[in-house]
Amino acid sequence: MAGPTPTALRNLRIAAVAAVVLLLVTAHFLGVLQRFGDPQGLARTLVELGPWGYAAFIAAYTILQPFGVPGTVFVMAAPLIWPWPEAFALSMVGTMSASVVGFMFARLVARDWISKWIPERFRKYEAALESRGFTTVAVLRFLFWMPPLLHAFFGVSRVGFWAHFWGSLLGYLVPLFVVSYFGPQIFELLQQLPLEAWLASGATLALAALATWVVRRARRARAERRAQ
């Protein structure tokens, strides 16, 4: 049986991208994105849904996170609503579902368009993904968790689907367990931090980023001089 023609495949990709854009615009105008904009607001919404809260949590996580809604909102909200074993299970299912959606969207629908948006900090792992796909995915998931651009990076890379799936599952285990078990305490601690602590943290991160940029620039300059 013949596969789809290039024209049909292109039309399918355009329709998929249009569907995602329409979904996000509709969610914005209906107030869904605003409701999911903070863990406490998300918790209230899901509590109001009663038993349907499980399904709503996973569905919203799966659909919204790969396209821009921070996954940390969901995993921080879960332990505020449910006991930690339930929060951990739901966070894992939602995170894995969102990761697969982001991966498949990049691989099958918008590979060429998304590829140019992948940050350099991810691209340097392309060779490792080809030779050690499972291990590299697990390490990157543990370090960076679930940013949409990391889903996309895996999608446009040559890593296999199952290496991505099982590597992601392993990489998520510890971070999601920690947030699910200590989530309420972490959220309460963050709320109690004074403004000075937030400013100091921001300044520290900014200085670290500046130092990293300076070091990389110096290394690049040295490499260019050696190549001349």
Foldseek 3Di string as FASTA:
>chain_A
DDDDDPVVLQVVLVVVVVVLVVVVVVCVVVCVCVQLQALVSLLVVLVVVPPCSLVVLLVCLQNPQLPDRPLVSSLLNLLVRDQLVVSLVSSLNSLLNNLLVLLCSCQRRPVPPLVVVQDPVLVVCLVVCVVPVLQVLLVCCLVPNHHSSVSNSNNNGPHDPVSNNNSNSNNVNVVSSCCSNCSVVVVVVVVPDDPVVVVVVVVVVVVVVVVVVVVVVVVVVVVVVVVD
